[in-house]
Amino acid sequence: MLIHDFRNLLAVIVNYSELIGEELNDPEAIRADIAEVKAAAERAIVLTEKLSRTGRPPA
């Protein structure tokens, strides 16, 4: 479950990063995409903290 959640967060980061590259002429869209990347990265930080508390690799 944790691996699936982490992969989903990485997919969000990758996809929004690609969108940023396509929206170079739209500063508002870029700001929104960066906010999504930041939110996903923050969720990934929380998830890695959960992983470190388990003391074992996830299944």
PDB file of N, CA and C in Angstrom:
ATOM      1  N   MET A   1       0.819  -1.201   0.000  1.00  0.00           N
ATOM      2  CA  MET A   1       0.000   0.000   0.000  1.00  0.00           C
ATOM      3  C   MET A   1       0.867   1.272   0.000  1.00  0.00           C
ATOM      4  N   LEU A   2       1.888   1.302   0.840  1.00  0.00           N
ATOM      5  CA  LEU A   2       2.730   2.493   0.911  1.00  0.00           C
ATOM      6  C   LEU A   2       3.505   2.701  -0.379  1.00  0.00           C
ATOM      7  N   ILE A   3       3.962   1.601  -0.973  1.00  0.00           N
ATOM      8  CA  ILE A   3       4.694   1.738  -2.238  1.00  0.00           C
ATOM      9  C   ILE A   3       3.780   2.312  -3.307  1.00  0.00           C
ATOM     10  N   HIS A   4       2.553   1.820  -3.358  1.00  0.00           N
ATOM     11  CA  HIS A   4       1.568   2.329  -4.327  1.00  0.00           C
ATOM     12  C   HIS A   4       1.336   3.824  -4.111  1.00  0.00           C
ATOM     13  N   ASP A   5       1.159   4.230  -2.870  1.00  0.00           N
ATOM     14  CA  ASP A   5       0.947   5.649  -2.554  1.00  0.00           C
ATOM     15  C   ASP A   5       2.144   6.494  -2.977  1.00  0.00           C
ATOM     16  N   PHE A   6       3.334   5.990  -2.721  1.00  0.00           N
ATOM     17  CA  PHE A   6       4.541   6.738  -3.068  1.00  0.00           C
ATOM     18  C   PHE A   6       4.682   6.856  -4.588  1.00  0.00           C
ATOM     19  N   ARG A   7       4.409   5.771  -5.301  1.00  0.00           N
ATOM     20  CA  ARG A   7       4.466   5.828  -6.765  1.00  0.00           C
ATOM     21  C   ARG A   7       3.455   6.837  -7.311  1.00  0.00           C
ATOM     22  N   ASN A   8       2.269   6.874  -6.732  1.00  0.00           N
ATOM     23  CA  ASN A   8       1.269   7.844  -7.173  1.00  0.00           C
ATOM     24  C   ASN A   8       1.767   9.272  -6.987  1.00  0.00           C
ATOM     25  N   LEU A   9       2.399   9.548  -5.869  1.00  0.00           N
ATOM     26  CA  LEU A   9       2.934  10.888  -5.630  1.00  0.00           C
ATOM     27  C   LEU A   9       4.025  11.226  -6.630  1.00  0.00           C
ATOM     28  N   LEU A  10       4.880  10.273  -6.931  1.00  0.00           N
ATOM     29  CA  LEU A  10       5.923  10.516  -7.922  1.00  0.00           C
ATOM     30  C   LEU A  10       5.324  10.761  -9.304  1.00  0.00           C
ATOM     31  N   ALA A  11       4.257  10.052  -9.629  1.00  0.00           N
ATOM     32  CA  ALA A  11       3.585  10.263 -10.920  1.00  0.00           C
ATOM     33  C   ALA A  11       3.014  11.668 -11.007  1.00  0.00           C
ATOM     34  N   VAL A  12       2.444  12.165  -9.918  1.00  0.00           N
ATOM     35  CA  VAL A  12       1.923  13.540  -9.895  1.00  0.00           C
ATOM     36  C   VAL A  12       3.054  14.525 -10.154  1.00  0.00           C
ATOM     37  N   ILE A  13       4.171  14.334  -9.477  1.00  0.00           N
ATOM     38  CA  ILE A  13       5.311  15.233  -9.641  1.00  0.00           C
ATOM     39  C   ILE A  13       5.815  15.219 -11.076  1.00  0.00           C
ATOM     40  N   VAL A  14       5.962  14.038 -11.644  1.00  0.00           N
ATOM     41  CA  VAL A  14       6.437  13.921 -13.023  1.00  0.00           C
ATOM     42  C   VAL A  14       5.458  14.571 -13.994  1.00  0.00           C
ATOM     43  N   ASN A  15       4.174  14.258 -13.857  1.00  0.00           N
ATOM     44  CA  ASN A  15       3.175  14.778 -14.798  1.00  0.00           C
ATOM     45  C   ASN A  15       3.062  16.299 -14.744  1.00  0.00           C
ATOM     46  N   TYR A  16       3.032  16.865 -13.555  1.00  0.00           N
ATOM     47  CA  TYR A  16       2.937  18.320 -13.455  1.00  0.00           C
ATOM     48  C   TYR A  16       4.221  18.993 -13.918  1.00  0.00           C
ATOM     49  N   SER A  17       5.350  18.332 -13.717  1.00  0.00           N
ATOM     50  CA  SER A  17       6.610  18.879 -14.230  1.00  0.00           C
ATOM     51  C   SER A  17       6.589  18.942 -15.752  1.00  0.00           C
ATOM     52  N   GLU A  18       6.038  17.914 -16.389  1.00  0.00           N
ATOM     53  CA  GLU A  18       5.903  17.928 -17.839  1.00  0.00           C
ATOM     54  C   GLU A  18       4.967  19.037 -18.300  1.00  0.00           C
ATOM     55  N   LEU A  19       3.868  19.232 -17.563  1.00  0.00           N
ATOM     56  CA  LEU A  19       2.930  20.307 -17.915  1.00  0.00           C
ATOM     57  C   LEU A  19       3.604  21.671 -17.851  1.00  0.00           C
ATOM     58  N   ILE A  20       4.434  21.881 -16.852  1.00  0.00           N
ATOM     59  CA  ILE A  20       5.136  23.158 -16.718  1.00  0.00           C
ATOM     60  C   ILE A  20       5.940  23.441 -17.980  1.00  0.00           C
ATOM     61  N   GLY A  21       6.600  22.427 -18.497  1.00  0.00           N
ATOM     62  CA  GLY A  21       7.386  22.593 -19.709  1.00  0.00           C
ATOM     63  C   GLY A  21       6.545  22.966 -20.916  1.00  0.00           C
ATOM     64  N   GLU A  22       5.282  22.571 -20.906  1.00  0.00           N
ATOM     65  CA  GLU A  22       4.389  22.864 -22.033  1.00  0.00           C
ATOM     66  C   GLU A  22       3.671  24.209 -21.883  1.00  0.00           C
ATOM     67  N   GLU A  23       3.699  24.775 -20.697  1.00  0.00           N
ATOM     68  CA  GLU A  23       2.926  25.988 -20.416  1.00  0.00           C
ATOM     69  C   GLU A  23       3.812  27.203 -20.155  1.00  0.00           C
ATOM     70  N   LEU A  24       4.914  27.257 -20.824  1.00  0.00           N
ATOM     71  CA  LEU A  24       5.883  28.318 -20.554  1.00  0.00           C
ATOM     72  C   LEU A  24       5.331  29.721 -20.810  1.00  0.00           C
ATOM     73  N   ASN A  25       4.296  29.841 -21.603  1.00  0.00           N
ATOM     74  CA  ASN A  25       3.720  31.159 -21.892  1.00  0.00           C
ATOM     75  C   ASN A  25       2.508  31.483 -21.027  1.00  0.00           C
ATOM     76  N   ASP A  26       2.241  30.652 -20.013  1.00  0.00           N
ATOM     77  CA  ASP A  26       1.066  30.854 -19.152  1.00  0.00           C
ATOM     78  C   ASP A  26       1.504  30.831 -17.687  1.00  0.00           C
ATOM     79  N   PRO A  27       1.926  31.988 -17.166  1.00  0.00           N
ATOM     80  CA  PRO A  27       2.451  32.034 -15.789  1.00  0.00           C
ATOM     81  C   PRO A  27       1.469  31.526 -14.735  1.00  0.00           C
ATOM     82  N   GLU A  28       0.178  31.777 -14.901  1.00  0.00           N
ATOM     83  CA  GLU A  28      -0.804  31.296 -13.916  1.00  0.00           C
ATOM     84  C   GLU A  28      -0.845  29.775 -13.895  1.00  0.00           C
ATOM     85  N   ALA A  29      -0.843  29.167 -15.063  1.00  0.00           N
ATOM     86  CA  ALA A  29      -0.856  27.708 -15.147  1.00  0.00           C
ATOM     87  C   ALA A  29       0.417  27.132 -14.532  1.00  0.00           C
ATOM     88  N   ILE A  30       1.527  27.790 -14.777  1.00  0.00           N
ATOM     89  CA  ILE A  30       2.796  27.334 -14.201  1.00  0.00           C
ATOM     90  C   ILE A  30       2.735  27.397 -12.680  1.00  0.00           C
ATOM     91  N   ARG A  31       2.219  28.485 -12.141  1.00  0.00           N
ATOM     92  CA  ARG A  31       2.099  28.621 -10.682  1.00  0.00           C
ATOM     93  C   ARG A  31       1.216  27.517 -10.101  1.00  0.00           C
ATOM     94  N   ALA A  32       0.110  27.223 -10.772  1.00  0.00           N
ATOM     95  CA  ALA A  32      -0.799  26.170 -10.295  1.00  0.00           C
ATOM     96  C   ALA A  32      -0.107  24.806 -10.333  1.00  0.00           C
ATOM     97  N   ASP A  33       0.632  24.551 -11.412  1.00  0.00           N
ATOM     98  CA  ASP A  33       1.340  23.280 -11.533  1.00  0.00           C
ATOM     99  C   ASP A  33       2.427  23.149 -10.467  1.00  0.00           C
ATOM    100  N   ILE A  34       3.140  24.223 -10.211  1.00  0.00           N
ATOM    101  CA  ILE A  34       4.178  24.198  -9.177  1.00  0.00           C
ATOM    102  C   ILE A  34       3.550  23.930  -7.807  1.00  0.00           C
ATOM    103  N   ALA A  35       2.390  24.496  -7.553  1.00  0.00           N
ATOM    104  CA  ALA A  35       1.695  24.243  -6.287  1.00  0.00           C
ATOM    105  C   ALA A  35       1.349  22.758  -6.152  1.00  0.00           C
ATOM    106  N   GLU A  36       0.939  22.120  -7.249  1.00  0.00           N
ATOM    107  CA  GLU A  36       0.630  20.689  -7.224  1.00  0.00           C
ATOM    108  C   GLU A  36       1.885  19.856  -6.977  1.00  0.00           C
ATOM    109  N   VAL A  37       2.983  20.231  -7.603  1.00  0.00           N
ATOM    110  CA  VAL A  37       4.248  19.524  -7.390  1.00  0.00           C
ATOM    111  C   VAL A  37       4.666  19.646  -5.929  1.00  0.00           C
ATOM    112  N   LYS A  38       4.562  20.841  -5.387  1.00  0.00           N
ATOM    113  CA  LYS A  38       4.934  21.071  -3.989  1.00  0.00           C
ATOM    114  C   LYS A  38       4.056  20.262  -3.047  1.00  0.00           C
ATOM    115  N   ALA A  39       2.753  20.245  -3.296  1.00  0.00           N
ATOM    116  CA  ALA A  39       1.828  19.495  -2.438  1.00  0.00           C
ATOM    117  C   ALA A  39       2.139  17.998  -2.492  1.00  0.00           C
ATOM    118  N   ALA A  40       2.419  17.481  -3.690  1.00  0.00           N
ATOM    119  CA  ALA A  40       2.749  16.063  -3.814  1.00  0.00           C
ATOM    120  C   ALA A  40       4.051  15.746  -3.094  1.00  0.00           C
ATOM    121  N   ALA A  41       5.033  16.616  -3.220  1.00  0.00           N
ATOM    122  CA  ALA A  41       6.313  16.402  -2.536  1.00  0.00           C
ATOM    123  C   ALA A  41       6.126  16.427  -1.018  1.00  0.00           C
ATOM    124  N   GLU A  42       5.280  17.323  -0.527  1.00  0.00           N
ATOM    125  CA  GLU A  42       5.019  17.379   0.916  1.00  0.00           C
ATOM    126  C   GLU A  42       4.317  16.111   1.390  1.00  0.00           C
ATOM    127  N   ARG A  43       3.394  15.579   0.584  1.00  0.00           N
ATOM    128  CA  ARG A  43       2.742  14.312   0.940  1.00  0.00           C
ATOM    129  C   ARG A  43       3.760  13.173   0.918  1.00  0.00           C
ATOM    130  N   ALA A  44       4.711  13.224  -0.013  1.00  0.00           N
ATOM    131  CA  ALA A  44       5.755  12.204  -0.070  1.00  0.00           C
ATOM    132  C   ALA A  44       6.634  12.255   1.180  1.00  0.00           C
ATOM    133  N   ILE A  45       6.906  13.437   1.672  1.00  0.00           N
ATOM    134  CA  ILE A  45       7.694  13.580   2.902  1.00  0.00           C
ATOM    135  C   ILE A  45       6.971  12.906   4.061  1.00  0.00           C
ATOM    136  N   VAL A  46       5.678  13.154   4.179  1.00  0.00           N
ATOM    137  CA  VAL A  46       4.884  12.530   5.250  1.00  0.00           C
ATOM    138  C   VAL A  46       4.915  11.008   5.099  1.00  0.00           C
ATOM    139  N   LEU A  47       4.776  10.541   3.873  1.00  0.00           N
ATOM    140  CA  LEU A  47       4.782   9.107   3.625  1.00  0.00           C
ATOM    141  C   LEU A  47       6.124   8.485   3.995  1.00  0.00           C
ATOM    142  N   THR A  48       7.221   9.144   3.666  1.00  0.00           N
ATOM    143  CA  THR A  48       8.535   8.594   4.024  1.00  0.00           C
ATOM    144  C   THR A  48       8.731   8.589   5.537  1.00  0.00           C
ATOM    145  N   GLU A  49       8.124   9.551   6.232  1.00  0.00           N
ATOM    146  CA  GLU A  49       8.184   9.534   7.692  1.00  0.00           C
ATOM    147  C   GLU A  49       7.449   8.321   8.240  1.00  0.00           C
ATOM    148  N   LYS A  50       6.311   7.987   7.628  1.00  0.00           N
ATOM    149  CA  LYS A  50       5.582   6.778   8.041  1.00  0.00           C
ATOM    150  C   LYS A  50       6.426   5.544   7.786  1.00  0.00           C
ATOM    151  N   LEU A  51       7.090   5.510   6.644  1.00  0.00           N
ATOM    152  CA  LEU A  51       7.946   4.367   6.319  1.00  0.00           C
ATOM    153  C   LEU A  51       9.071   4.221   7.340  1.00  0.00           C
ATOM    154  N   SER A  52       9.663   5.337   7.733  1.00  0.00           N
ATOM    155  CA  SER A  52      10.781   5.259   8.681  1.00  0.00           C
ATOM    156  C   SER A  52      10.321   4.826  10.062  1.00  0.00           C
ATOM    157  N   ARG A  53       9.085   5.111  10.397  1.00  0.00           N
ATOM    158  CA  ARG A  53       8.560   4.692  11.709  1.00  0.00           C
ATOM    159  C   ARG A  53       8.246   3.201  11.748  1.00  0.00           C
ATOM    160  N   THR A  54       7.984   2.586  10.607  1.00  0.00           N
ATOM    161  CA  THR A  54       7.644   1.165  10.611  1.00  0.00           C
ATOM    162  C   THR A  54       8.848   0.303  10.950  1.00  0.00           C
ATOM    163  N   GLY A  55      10.056   0.794  10.629  1.00  0.00           N
ATOM    164  CA  GLY A  55      11.259   0.059  10.949  1.00  0.00           C
ATOM    165  C   GLY A  55      11.506  -1.129  10.039  1.00  0.00           C
ATOM    166  N   ARG A  56      10.704  -1.259   9.001  1.00  0.00           N
ATOM    167  CA  ARG A  56      10.893  -2.363   8.069  1.00  0.00           C
ATOM    168  C   ARG A  56      10.487  -1.899   6.674  1.00  0.00           C
ATOM    169  N   PRO A  57      11.023  -2.532   5.645  1.00  0.00           N
ATOM    170  CA  PRO A  57      10.626  -2.162   4.293  1.00  0.00           C
ATOM    171  C   PRO A  57       9.172  -2.524   4.042  1.00  0.00           C
ATOM    172  N   PRO A  58       8.459  -1.725   3.247  1.00  0.00           N
ATOM    173  CA  PRO A  58       7.070  -2.035   2.961  1.00  0.00           C
ATOM    174  C   PRO A  58       6.957  -3.257   2.056  1.00  0.00           C
ATOM    175  N   ALA A  59       5.845  -3.927   2.171  1.00  0.00           N
ATOM    176  CA  ALA A  59       5.596  -5.111   1.317  1.00  0.00           C
ATOM    177  C   ALA A  59       5.194  -4.711  -0.065  1.00  0.00           C
TER     178      ALA A  59
END
